[in-house]
Amino acid sequence: MNITSFVVYCFIVTFTPGPTNIVILSTVHNSGTKKAMEYTYGATIAFGLLLAISAMLNNILVTIIPKILIVMQIIGSFYVLYLAYQVYKSNEGNYNYKGNAGPF
């Protein structure tokens, strides 16, 4: 995993406006700075845990996906063939095409 990309992602996500920042501003306005700081500490810890867990799961997926790639390709191929068969056997007589051009 490229650590530079991960750090840039963490920095951008941390400081962009989102629901957490809006809730913090609302909490400051309604309940004061002390309550807002408690919420901010909790949100920061939760975000750090989220990033750590996602990094661990990403590393697990990097090791698992090459092992199951051929199985995924076979299942995907059968699914595409199934969809093609469904299109092939669909009844063309159910469409109410009147030959009029649409609004576009």
PDB file of N, CA and C in Angstrom:
ATOM      1  N   MET A   1       0.848  -1.169   0.000  1.00  0.00           N
ATOM      2  CA  MET A   1       0.000   0.000   0.000  1.00  0.00           C
ATOM      3  C   MET A   1       0.895   1.235   0.000  1.00  0.00           C
ATOM      4  N   ASN A   2       0.525   2.222  -0.811  1.00  0.00           N
ATOM      5  CA  ASN A   2       1.284   3.451  -0.886  1.00  0.00           C
ATOM      6  C   ASN A   2       0.910   4.341   0.298  1.00  0.00           C
ATOM      7  N   ILE A   3       1.842   4.547   1.212  1.00  0.00           N
ATOM      8  CA  ILE A   3       1.571   5.297   2.445  1.00  0.00           C
ATOM      9  C   ILE A   3       1.342   6.768   2.159  1.00  0.00           C
ATOM     10  N   THR A   4       1.976   7.310   1.115  1.00  0.00           N
ATOM     11  CA  THR A   4       1.792   8.723   0.786  1.00  0.00           C
ATOM     12  C   THR A   4       0.348   8.997   0.387  1.00  0.00           C
ATOM     13  N   SER A   5      -0.213   8.144  -0.444  1.00  0.00           N
ATOM     14  CA  SER A   5      -1.608   8.304  -0.853  1.00  0.00           C
ATOM     15  C   SER A   5      -2.540   8.190   0.336  1.00  0.00           C
ATOM     16  N   PHE A   6      -2.252   7.276   1.230  1.00  0.00           N
ATOM     17  CA  PHE A   6      -3.083   7.083   2.414  1.00  0.00           C
ATOM     18  C   PHE A   6      -3.054   8.312   3.316  1.00  0.00           C
ATOM     19  N   VAL A   7      -1.873   8.887   3.522  1.00  0.00           N
ATOM     20  CA  VAL A   7      -1.753  10.064   4.377  1.00  0.00           C
ATOM     21  C   VAL A   7      -2.462  11.265   3.740  1.00  0.00           C
ATOM     22  N   VAL A   8      -2.322  11.432   2.437  1.00  0.00           N
ATOM     23  CA  VAL A   8      -3.015  12.529   1.747  1.00  0.00           C
ATOM     24  C   VAL A   8      -4.520  12.350   1.865  1.00  0.00           C
ATOM     25  N   TYR A   9      -4.993  11.125   1.689  1.00  0.00           N
ATOM     26  CA  TYR A   9      -6.422  10.845   1.846  1.00  0.00           C
ATOM     27  C   TYR A   9      -6.897  11.186   3.257  1.00  0.00           C
ATOM     28  N   CYS A  10      -6.163  10.759   4.267  1.00  0.00           N
ATOM     29  CA  CYS A  10      -6.541  11.043   5.664  1.00  0.00           C
ATOM     30  C   CYS A  10      -6.596  12.541   5.921  1.00  0.00           C
ATOM     31  N   PHE A  11      -5.631  13.279   5.407  1.00  0.00           N
ATOM     32  CA  PHE A  11      -5.589  14.726   5.609  1.00  0.00           C
ATOM     33  C   PHE A  11      -6.791  15.400   4.952  1.00  0.00           C
ATOM     34  N   ILE A  12      -7.094  15.024   3.721  1.00  0.00           N
ATOM     35  CA  ILE A  12      -8.211  15.639   3.001  1.00  0.00           C
ATOM     36  C   ILE A  12      -9.533  15.322   3.673  1.00  0.00           C
ATOM     37  N   VAL A  13      -9.738  14.070   4.033  1.00  0.00           N
ATOM     38  CA  VAL A  13     -11.009  13.664   4.641  1.00  0.00           C
ATOM     39  C   VAL A  13     -11.198  14.293   6.021  1.00  0.00           C
ATOM     40  N   THR A  14     -10.119  14.494   6.732  1.00  0.00           N
ATOM     41  CA  THR A  14     -10.225  15.059   8.075  1.00  0.00           C
ATOM     42  C   THR A  14     -10.688  16.517   8.048  1.00  0.00           C
ATOM     43  N   PHE A  15     -10.249  17.284   7.081  1.00  0.00           N
ATOM     44  CA  PHE A  15     -10.517  18.722   7.103  1.00  0.00           C
ATOM     45  C   PHE A  15     -11.598  19.180   6.130  1.00  0.00           C
ATOM     46  N   THR A  16     -12.170  18.297   5.372  1.00  0.00           N
ATOM     47  CA  THR A  16     -13.258  18.721   4.488  1.00  0.00           C
ATOM     48  C   THR A  16     -14.557  18.813   5.275  1.00  0.00           C
ATOM     49  N   PRO A  17     -15.418  19.757   4.905  1.00  0.00           N
ATOM     50  CA  PRO A  17     -16.690  19.876   5.625  1.00  0.00           C
ATOM     51  C   PRO A  17     -17.545  18.631   5.422  1.00  0.00           C
ATOM     52  N   GLY A  18     -18.178  18.238   6.464  1.00  0.00           N
ATOM     53  CA  GLY A  18     -19.034  17.067   6.404  1.00  0.00           C
ATOM     54  C   GLY A  18     -19.977  17.083   7.590  1.00  0.00           C
ATOM     55  N   PRO A  19     -20.702  16.004   7.777  1.00  0.00           N
ATOM     56  CA  PRO A  19     -21.668  15.974   8.870  1.00  0.00           C
ATOM     57  C   PRO A  19     -21.044  16.144  10.249  1.00  0.00           C
ATOM     58  N   THR A  20     -19.842  15.622  10.437  1.00  0.00           N
ATOM     59  CA  THR A  20     -19.199  15.743  11.747  1.00  0.00           C
ATOM     60  C   THR A  20     -18.891  17.202  12.060  1.00  0.00           C
ATOM     61  N   ASN A  21     -18.345  17.907  11.091  1.00  0.00           N
ATOM     62  CA  ASN A  21     -18.028  19.320  11.320  1.00  0.00           C
ATOM     63  C   ASN A  21     -19.280  20.148  11.554  1.00  0.00           C
ATOM     64  N   ILE A  22     -20.351  19.846  10.859  1.00  0.00           N
ATOM     65  CA  ILE A  22     -21.607  20.573  11.054  1.00  0.00           C
ATOM     66  C   ILE A  22     -22.167  20.301  12.444  1.00  0.00           C
ATOM     67  N   VAL A  23     -22.109  19.048  12.906  1.00  0.00           N
ATOM     68  CA  VAL A  23     -22.588  18.716  14.250  1.00  0.00           C
ATOM     69  C   VAL A  23     -21.732  19.415  15.301  1.00  0.00           C
ATOM     70  N   ILE A  24     -20.423  19.496  15.077  1.00  0.00           N
ATOM     71  CA  ILE A  24     -19.548  20.180  16.031  1.00  0.00           C
ATOM     72  C   ILE A  24     -19.921  21.659  16.117  1.00  0.00           C
ATOM     73  N   LEU A  25     -20.133  22.299  14.971  1.00  0.00           N
ATOM     74  CA  LEU A  25     -20.529  23.710  14.997  1.00  0.00           C
ATOM     75  C   LEU A  25     -21.870  23.898  15.690  1.00  0.00           C
ATOM     76  N   SER A  26     -22.796  23.009  15.450  1.00  0.00           N
ATOM     77  CA  SER A  26     -24.101  23.086  16.104  1.00  0.00           C
ATOM     78  C   SER A  26     -23.972  22.877  17.605  1.00  0.00           C
ATOM     79  N   THR A  27     -23.109  21.953  18.010  1.00  0.00           N
ATOM     80  CA  THR A  27     -22.906  21.693  19.433  1.00  0.00           C
ATOM     81  C   THR A  27     -22.275  22.893  20.126  1.00  0.00           C
ATOM     82  N   VAL A  28     -21.323  23.543  19.468  1.00  0.00           N
ATOM     83  CA  VAL A  28     -20.715  24.750  20.039  1.00  0.00           C
ATOM     84  C   VAL A  28     -21.779  25.820  20.228  1.00  0.00           C
ATOM     85  N   HIS A  29     -22.625  25.967  19.230  1.00  0.00           N
ATOM     86  CA  HIS A  29     -23.659  27.001  19.298  1.00  0.00           C
ATOM     87  C   HIS A  29     -24.683  26.708  20.393  1.00  0.00           C
ATOM     88  N   ASN A  30     -25.096  25.450  20.522  1.00  0.00           N
ATOM     89  CA  ASN A  30     -26.169  25.102  21.457  1.00  0.00           C
ATOM     90  C   ASN A  30     -25.680  24.760  22.863  1.00  0.00           C
ATOM     91  N   SER A  31     -24.549  24.059  22.978  1.00  0.00           N
ATOM     92  CA  SER A  31     -24.140  23.531  24.284  1.00  0.00           C
ATOM     93  C   SER A  31     -22.824  24.077  24.805  1.00  0.00           C
ATOM     94  N   GLY A  32     -22.108  24.793  24.001  1.00  0.00           N
ATOM     95  CA  GLY A  32     -20.855  25.368  24.466  1.00  0.00           C
ATOM     96  C   GLY A  32     -19.632  24.601  23.986  1.00  0.00           C
ATOM     97  N   THR A  33     -18.486  25.207  24.255  1.00  0.00           N
ATOM     98  CA  THR A  33     -17.221  24.678  23.750  1.00  0.00           C
ATOM     99  C   THR A  33     -16.834  23.363  24.420  1.00  0.00           C
ATOM    100  N   LYS A  34     -17.093  23.227  25.710  1.00  0.00           N
ATOM    101  CA  LYS A  34     -16.684  22.015  26.424  1.00  0.00           C
ATOM    102  C   LYS A  34     -17.354  20.773  25.840  1.00  0.00           C
ATOM    103  N   LYS A  35     -18.665  20.820  25.632  1.00  0.00           N
ATOM    104  CA  LYS A  35     -19.376  19.675  25.037  1.00  0.00           C
ATOM    105  C   LYS A  35     -18.900  19.418  23.615  1.00  0.00           C
ATOM    106  N   ALA A  36     -18.631  20.487  22.879  1.00  0.00           N
ATOM    107  CA  ALA A  36     -18.156  20.324  21.503  1.00  0.00           C
ATOM    108  C   ALA A  36     -16.789  19.666  21.467  1.00  0.00           C
ATOM    109  N   MET A  37     -15.924  20.008  22.426  1.00  0.00           N
ATOM    110  CA  MET A  37     -14.599  19.389  22.465  1.00  0.00           C
ATOM    111  C   MET A  37     -14.695  17.905  22.799  1.00  0.00           C
ATOM    112  N   GLU A  38     -15.621  17.538  23.679  1.00  0.00           N
ATOM    113  CA  GLU A  38     -15.834  16.119  23.976  1.00  0.00           C
ATOM    114  C   GLU A  38     -16.262  15.373  22.717  1.00  0.00           C
ATOM    115  N   TYR A  39     -17.182  15.961  21.980  1.00  0.00           N
ATOM    116  CA  TYR A  39     -17.641  15.348  20.732  1.00  0.00           C
ATOM    117  C   TYR A  39     -16.491  15.268  19.724  1.00  0.00           C
ATOM    118  N   THR A  40     -15.685  16.325  19.651  1.00  0.00           N
ATOM    119  CA  THR A  40     -14.566  16.349  18.704  1.00  0.00           C
ATOM    120  C   THR A  40     -13.553  15.256  19.034  1.00  0.00           C
ATOM    121  N   TYR A  41     -13.246  15.074  20.318  1.00  0.00           N
ATOM    122  CA  TYR A  41     -12.313  14.009  20.705  1.00  0.00           C
ATOM    123  C   TYR A  41     -12.870  12.632  20.327  1.00  0.00           C
ATOM    124  N   GLY A  42     -14.137  12.426  20.587  1.00  0.00           N
ATOM    125  CA  GLY A  42     -14.760  11.148  20.230  1.00  0.00           C
ATOM    126  C   GLY A  42     -14.770  10.911  18.733  1.00  0.00           C
ATOM    127  N   ALA A  43     -15.086  11.951  17.970  1.00  0.00           N
ATOM    128  CA  ALA A  43     -15.111  11.821  16.510  1.00  0.00           C
ATOM    129  C   ALA A  43     -13.712  11.549  15.968  1.00  0.00           C
ATOM    130  N   THR A  44     -12.705  12.187  16.552  1.00  0.00           N
ATOM    131  CA  THR A  44     -11.326  11.973  16.102  1.00  0.00           C
ATOM    132  C   THR A  44     -10.868  10.549  16.388  1.00  0.00           C
ATOM    133  N   ILE A  45     -11.188  10.042  17.570  1.00  0.00           N
ATOM    134  CA  ILE A  45     -10.820   8.667  17.916  1.00  0.00           C
ATOM    135  C   ILE A  45     -11.553   7.676  17.018  1.00  0.00           C
ATOM    136  N   ALA A  46     -12.840   7.922  16.785  1.00  0.00           N
ATOM    137  CA  ALA A  46     -13.619   7.030  15.918  1.00  0.00           C
ATOM    138  C   ALA A  46     -13.072   7.043  14.490  1.00  0.00           C
ATOM    139  N   PHE A  47     -12.697   8.216  13.997  1.00  0.00           N
ATOM    140  CA  PHE A  47     -12.139   8.310  12.646  1.00  0.00           C
ATOM    141  C   PHE A  47     -10.806   7.581  12.555  1.00  0.00           C
ATOM    142  N   GLY A  48      -9.979   7.712  13.588  1.00  0.00           N
ATOM    143  CA  GLY A  48      -8.706   6.982  13.604  1.00  0.00           C
ATOM    144  C   GLY A  48      -8.910   5.481  13.605  1.00  0.00           C
ATOM    145  N   LEU A  49      -9.880   5.010  14.402  1.00  0.00           N
ATOM    146  CA  LEU A  49     -10.194   3.576  14.405  1.00  0.00           C
ATOM    147  C   LEU A  49     -10.700   3.111  13.050  1.00  0.00           C
ATOM    148  N   LEU A  50     -11.554   3.928  12.440  1.00  0.00           N
ATOM    149  CA  LEU A  50     -12.078   3.588  11.112  1.00  0.00           C
ATOM    150  C   LEU A  50     -10.952   3.459  10.099  1.00  0.00           C
ATOM    151  N   LEU A  51     -10.013   4.391  10.119  1.00  0.00           N
ATOM    152  CA  LEU A  51      -8.889   4.322   9.188  1.00  0.00           C
ATOM    153  C   LEU A  51      -7.995   3.115   9.463  1.00  0.00           C
ATOM    154  N   ALA A  52      -7.750   2.811  10.726  1.00  0.00           N
ATOM    155  CA  ALA A  52      -6.908   1.658  11.063  1.00  0.00           C
ATOM    156  C   ALA A  52      -7.568   0.353  10.636  1.00  0.00           C
ATOM    157  N   ILE A  53      -8.865   0.222  10.904  1.00  0.00           N
ATOM    158  CA  ILE A  53      -9.579  -1.001  10.514  1.00  0.00           C
ATOM    159  C   ILE A  53      -9.623  -1.137   9.000  1.00  0.00           C
ATOM    160  N   SER A  54      -9.873  -0.028   8.294  1.00  0.00           N
ATOM    161  CA  SER A  54      -9.919  -0.121   6.830  1.00  0.00           C
ATOM    162  C   SER A  54      -8.553  -0.458   6.247  1.00  0.00           C
ATOM    163  N   ALA A  55      -7.482   0.034   6.851  1.00  0.00           N
ATOM    164  CA  ALA A  55      -6.137  -0.315   6.379  1.00  0.00           C
ATOM    165  C   ALA A  55      -5.854  -1.805   6.597  1.00  0.00           C
ATOM    166  N   MET A  56      -6.266  -2.335   7.753  1.00  0.00           N
ATOM    167  CA  MET A  56      -6.064  -3.762   8.008  1.00  0.00           C
ATOM    168  C   MET A  56      -6.878  -4.619   7.031  1.00  0.00           C
ATOM    169  N   LEU A  57      -8.136  -4.247   6.817  1.00  0.00           N
ATOM    170  CA  LEU A  57      -8.958  -5.011   5.883  1.00  0.00           C
ATOM    171  C   LEU A  57      -8.425  -4.917   4.459  1.00  0.00           C
ATOM    172  N   ASN A  58      -7.875  -3.766   4.100  1.00  0.00           N
ATOM    173  CA  ASN A  58      -7.283  -3.611   2.781  1.00  0.00           C
ATOM    174  C   ASN A  58      -6.097  -4.554   2.605  1.00  0.00           C
ATOM    175  N   ASN A  59      -5.266  -4.669   3.616  1.00  0.00           N
ATOM    176  CA  ASN A  59      -4.131  -5.597   3.546  1.00  0.00           C
ATOM    177  C   ASN A  59      -4.599  -7.048   3.461  1.00  0.00           C
ATOM    178  N   ILE A  60      -5.662  -7.384   4.170  1.00  0.00           N
ATOM    179  CA  ILE A  60      -6.215  -8.741   4.096  1.00  0.00           C
ATOM    180  C   ILE A  60      -6.731  -9.026   2.693  1.00  0.00           C
ATOM    181  N   LEU A  61      -7.451  -8.051   2.114  1.00  0.00           N
ATOM    182  CA  LEU A  61      -7.972  -8.243   0.762  1.00  0.00           C
ATOM    183  C   LEU A  61      -6.863  -8.389  -0.270  1.00  0.00           C
ATOM    184  N   VAL A  62      -5.767  -7.664  -0.081  1.00  0.00           N
ATOM    185  CA  VAL A  62      -4.647  -7.768  -1.013  1.00  0.00           C
ATOM    186  C   VAL A  62      -4.082  -9.189  -1.022  1.00  0.00           C
ATOM    187  N   THR A  63      -4.116  -9.865   0.111  1.00  0.00           N
ATOM    188  CA  THR A  63      -3.595 -11.226   0.152  1.00  0.00           C
ATOM    189  C   THR A  63      -4.633 -12.261  -0.291  1.00  0.00           C
ATOM    190  N   ILE A  64      -5.928 -11.974  -0.087  1.00  0.00           N
ATOM    191  CA  ILE A  64      -6.967 -12.954  -0.408  1.00  0.00           C
ATOM    192  C   ILE A  64      -7.372 -12.917  -1.881  1.00  0.00           C
ATOM    193  N   ILE A  65      -7.496 -11.719  -2.458  1.00  0.00           N
ATOM    194  CA  ILE A  65      -8.050 -11.599  -3.807  1.00  0.00           C
ATOM    195  C   ILE A  65      -7.262 -12.376  -4.855  1.00  0.00           C
ATOM    196  N   PRO A  66      -5.922 -12.367  -4.866  1.00  0.00           N
ATOM    197  CA  PRO A  66      -5.232 -13.172  -5.885  1.00  0.00           C
ATOM    198  C   PRO A  66      -5.568 -14.663  -5.804  1.00  0.00           C
ATOM    199  N   LYS A  67      -5.889 -15.153  -4.609  1.00  0.00           N
ATOM    200  CA  LYS A  67      -6.192 -16.575  -4.447  1.00  0.00           C
ATOM    201  C   LYS A  67      -7.577 -16.927  -4.988  1.00  0.00           C
ATOM    202  N   ILE A  68      -8.517 -15.990  -4.929  1.00  0.00           N
ATOM    203  CA  ILE A  68      -9.889 -16.288  -5.370  1.00  0.00           C
ATOM    204  C   ILE A  68     -10.231 -15.612  -6.692  1.00  0.00           C
ATOM    205  N   LEU A  69      -9.255 -15.019  -7.354  1.00  0.00           N
ATOM    206  CA  LEU A  69      -9.507 -14.279  -8.582  1.00  0.00           C
ATOM    207  C   LEU A  69     -10.097 -15.168  -9.670  1.00  0.00           C
ATOM    208  N   ILE A  70      -9.572 -16.358  -9.873  1.00  0.00           N
ATOM    209  CA  ILE A  70     -10.068 -17.234 -10.930  1.00  0.00           C
ATOM    210  C   ILE A  70     -11.508 -17.657 -10.652  1.00  0.00           C
ATOM    211  N   VAL A  71     -11.838 -17.894  -9.384  1.00  0.00           N
ATOM    212  CA  VAL A  71     -13.215 -18.255  -9.019  1.00  0.00           C
ATOM    213  C   VAL A  71     -14.149 -17.089  -9.306  1.00  0.00           C
ATOM    214  N   MET A  72     -13.724 -15.874  -8.973  1.00  0.00           N
ATOM    215  CA  MET A  72     -14.537 -14.698  -9.244  1.00  0.00           C
ATOM    216  C   MET A  72     -14.745 -14.511 -10.740  1.00  0.00           C
ATOM    217  N   GLN A  73     -13.721 -14.771 -11.535  1.00  0.00           N
ATOM    218  CA  GLN A  73     -13.841 -14.638 -12.993  1.00  0.00           C
ATOM    219  C   GLN A  73     -14.808 -15.670 -13.560  1.00  0.00           C
ATOM    220  N   ILE A  74     -14.753 -16.892 -13.069  1.00  0.00           N
ATOM    221  CA  ILE A  74     -15.656 -17.938 -13.551  1.00  0.00           C
ATOM    222  C   ILE A  74     -17.099 -17.607 -13.182  1.00  0.00           C
ATOM    223  N   ILE A  75     -17.333 -17.201 -11.942  1.00  0.00           N
ATOM    224  CA  ILE A  75     -18.695 -16.841 -11.519  1.00  0.00           C
ATOM    225  C   ILE A  75     -19.200 -15.652 -12.330  1.00  0.00           C
ATOM    226  N   GLY A  76     -18.354 -14.655 -12.551  1.00  0.00           N
ATOM    227  CA  GLY A  76     -18.742 -13.493 -13.359  1.00  0.00           C
ATOM    228  C   GLY A  76     -19.063 -13.875 -14.791  1.00  0.00           C
ATOM    229  N   SER A  77     -18.296 -14.807 -15.358  1.00  0.00           N
ATOM    230  CA  SER A  77     -18.563 -15.262 -16.726  1.00  0.00           C
ATOM    231  C   SER A  77     -19.906 -15.972 -16.822  1.00  0.00           C
ATOM    232  N   PHE A  78     -20.196 -16.845 -15.857  1.00  0.00           N
ATOM    233  CA  PHE A  78     -21.494 -17.519 -15.866  1.00  0.00           C
ATOM    234  C   PHE A  78     -22.642 -16.534 -15.689  1.00  0.00           C
ATOM    235  N   TYR A  79     -22.437 -15.514 -14.876  1.00  0.00           N
ATOM    236  CA  TYR A  79     -23.485 -14.520 -14.677  1.00  0.00           C
ATOM    237  C   TYR A  79     -23.747 -13.724 -15.953  1.00  0.00           C
ATOM    238  N   VAL A  80     -22.684 -13.342 -16.667  1.00  0.00           N
ATOM    239  CA  VAL A  80     -22.856 -12.627 -17.924  1.00  0.00           C
ATOM    240  C   VAL A  80     -23.561 -13.513 -18.946  1.00  0.00           C
ATOM    241  N   LEU A  81     -23.202 -14.800 -18.991  1.00  0.00           N
ATOM    242  CA  LEU A  81     -23.894 -15.719 -19.894  1.00  0.00           C
ATOM    243  C   LEU A  81     -25.371 -15.864 -19.518  1.00  0.00           C
ATOM    244  N   TYR A  82     -25.673 -15.919 -18.238  1.00  0.00           N
ATOM    245  CA  TYR A  82     -27.054 -15.982 -17.776  1.00  0.00           C
ATOM    246  C   TYR A  82     -27.822 -14.736 -18.208  1.00  0.00           C
ATOM    247  N   LEU A  83     -27.219 -13.567 -18.054  1.00  0.00           N
ATOM    248  CA  LEU A  83     -27.884 -12.336 -18.492  1.00  0.00           C
ATOM    249  C   LEU A  83     -28.104 -12.324 -19.996  1.00  0.00           C
ATOM    250  N   ALA A  84     -27.128 -12.807 -20.751  1.00  0.00           N
ATOM    251  CA  ALA A  84     -27.284 -12.872 -22.199  1.00  0.00           C
ATOM    252  C   ALA A  84     -28.421 -13.807 -22.579  1.00  0.00           C
ATOM    253  N   TYR A  85     -28.536 -14.944 -21.892  1.00  0.00           N
ATOM    254  CA  TYR A  85     -29.627 -15.874 -22.148  1.00  0.00           C
ATOM    255  C   TYR A  85     -30.974 -15.244 -21.821  1.00  0.00           C
ATOM    256  N   GLN A  86     -31.048 -14.497 -20.722  1.00  0.00           N
ATOM    257  CA  GLN A  86     -32.292 -13.833 -20.357  1.00  0.00           C
ATOM    258  C   GLN A  86     -32.708 -12.813 -21.412  1.00  0.00           C
ATOM    259  N   VAL A  87     -31.756 -12.095 -21.964  1.00  0.00           N
ATOM    260  CA  VAL A  87     -32.058 -11.144 -23.031  1.00  0.00           C
ATOM    261  C   VAL A  87     -32.497 -11.890 -24.279  1.00  0.00           C
ATOM    262  N   TYR A  88     -31.848 -13.004 -24.583  1.00  0.00           N
ATOM    263  CA  TYR A  88     -32.175 -13.789 -25.773  1.00  0.00           C
ATOM    264  C   TYR A  88     -33.596 -14.342 -25.706  1.00  0.00           C
ATOM    265  N   LYS A  89     -33.994 -14.850 -24.570  1.00  0.00           N
ATOM    266  CA  LYS A  89     -35.307 -15.485 -24.489  1.00  0.00           C
ATOM    267  C   LYS A  89     -36.434 -14.502 -24.141  1.00  0.00           C
ATOM    268  N   SER A  90     -36.111 -13.209 -23.943  1.00  0.00           N
ATOM    269  CA  SER A  90     -37.160 -12.238 -23.644  1.00  0.00           C
ATOM    270  C   SER A  90     -38.084 -12.102 -24.849  1.00  0.00           C
ATOM    271  N   ASN A  91     -39.337 -11.831 -24.584  1.00  0.00           N
ATOM    272  CA  ASN A  91     -40.359 -11.734 -25.611  1.00  0.00           C
ATOM    273  C   ASN A  91     -40.376 -10.315 -26.158  1.00  0.00           C
ATOM    274  N   GLU A  92     -40.192 -10.199 -27.478  1.00  0.00           N
ATOM    275  CA  GLU A  92     -40.171  -8.879 -28.092  1.00  0.00           C
ATOM    276  C   GLU A  92     -41.570  -8.318 -28.290  1.00  0.00           C
ATOM    277  N   GLY A  93     -42.615  -9.120 -28.181  1.00  0.00           N
ATOM    278  CA  GLY A  93     -43.975  -8.668 -28.437  1.00  0.00           C
ATOM    279  C   GLY A  93     -44.582  -7.865 -27.304  1.00  0.00           C
ATOM    280  N   ASN A  94     -43.931  -7.731 -26.180  1.00  0.00           N
ATOM    281  CA  ASN A  94     -44.498  -7.024 -25.029  1.00  0.00           C
ATOM    282  C   ASN A  94     -44.280  -5.521 -25.077  1.00  0.00           C
ATOM    283  N   TYR A  95     -43.528  -5.016 -26.038  1.00  0.00           N
ATOM    284  CA  TYR A  95     -43.223  -3.596 -26.080  1.00  0.00           C
ATOM    285  C   TYR A  95     -44.299  -2.862 -26.869  1.00  0.00           C
ATOM    286  N   ASN A  96     -44.719  -1.713 -26.364  1.00  0.00           N
ATOM    287  CA  ASN A  96     -45.740  -0.889 -27.029  1.00  0.00           C
ATOM    288  C   ASN A  96     -45.073   0.227 -27.805  1.00  0.00           C
ATOM    289  N   TYR A  97     -44.392  -0.120 -28.862  1.00  0.00           N
ATOM    290  CA  TYR A  97     -43.700   0.871 -29.682  1.00  0.00           C
ATOM    291  C   TYR A  97     -44.645   1.341 -30.758  1.00  0.00           C
ATOM    292  N   LYS A  98     -44.923   2.650 -30.788  1.00  0.00           N
ATOM    293  CA  LYS A  98     -45.873   3.204 -31.747  1.00  0.00           C
ATOM    294  C   LYS A  98     -45.182   3.912 -32.908  1.00  0.00           C
ATOM    295  N   GLY A  99     -43.899   3.965 -32.885  1.00  0.00           N
ATOM    296  CA  GLY A  99     -43.183   4.597 -33.985  1.00  0.00           C
ATOM    297  C   GLY A  99     -43.065   6.104 -33.837  1.00  0.00           C
ATOM    298  N   ASN A 100     -43.586   6.671 -32.786  1.00  0.00           N
ATOM    299  CA  ASN A 100     -43.486   8.118 -32.579  1.00  0.00           C
ATOM    300  C   ASN A 100     -42.155   8.450 -31.920  1.00  0.00           C
ATOM    301  N   ALA A 101     -41.608   9.569 -32.316  1.00  0.00           N
ATOM    302  CA  ALA A 101     -40.357  10.007 -31.724  1.00  0.00           C
ATOM    303  C   ALA A 101     -40.610  10.531 -30.310  1.00  0.00           C
ATOM    304  N   GLY A 102     -39.673  10.317 -29.462  1.00  0.00           N
ATOM    305  CA  GLY A 102     -39.800  10.780 -28.086  1.00  0.00           C
ATOM    306  C   GLY A 102     -39.527  12.273 -27.973  1.00  0.00           C
ATOM    307  N   PRO A 103     -39.547  12.806 -26.772  1.00  0.00           N
ATOM    308  CA  PRO A 103     -39.359  14.241 -26.584  1.00  0.00           C
ATOM    309  C   PRO A 103     -37.921  14.718 -26.831  1.00  0.00           C
ATOM    310  N   PHE A 104     -36.976  13.802 -26.953  1.00  0.00           N
ATOM    311  CA  PHE A 104     -35.589  14.215 -27.159  1.00  0.00           C
ATOM    312  C   PHE A 104     -35.205  14.159 -28.593  1.00  0.00           C
TER     313      PHE A 104
END
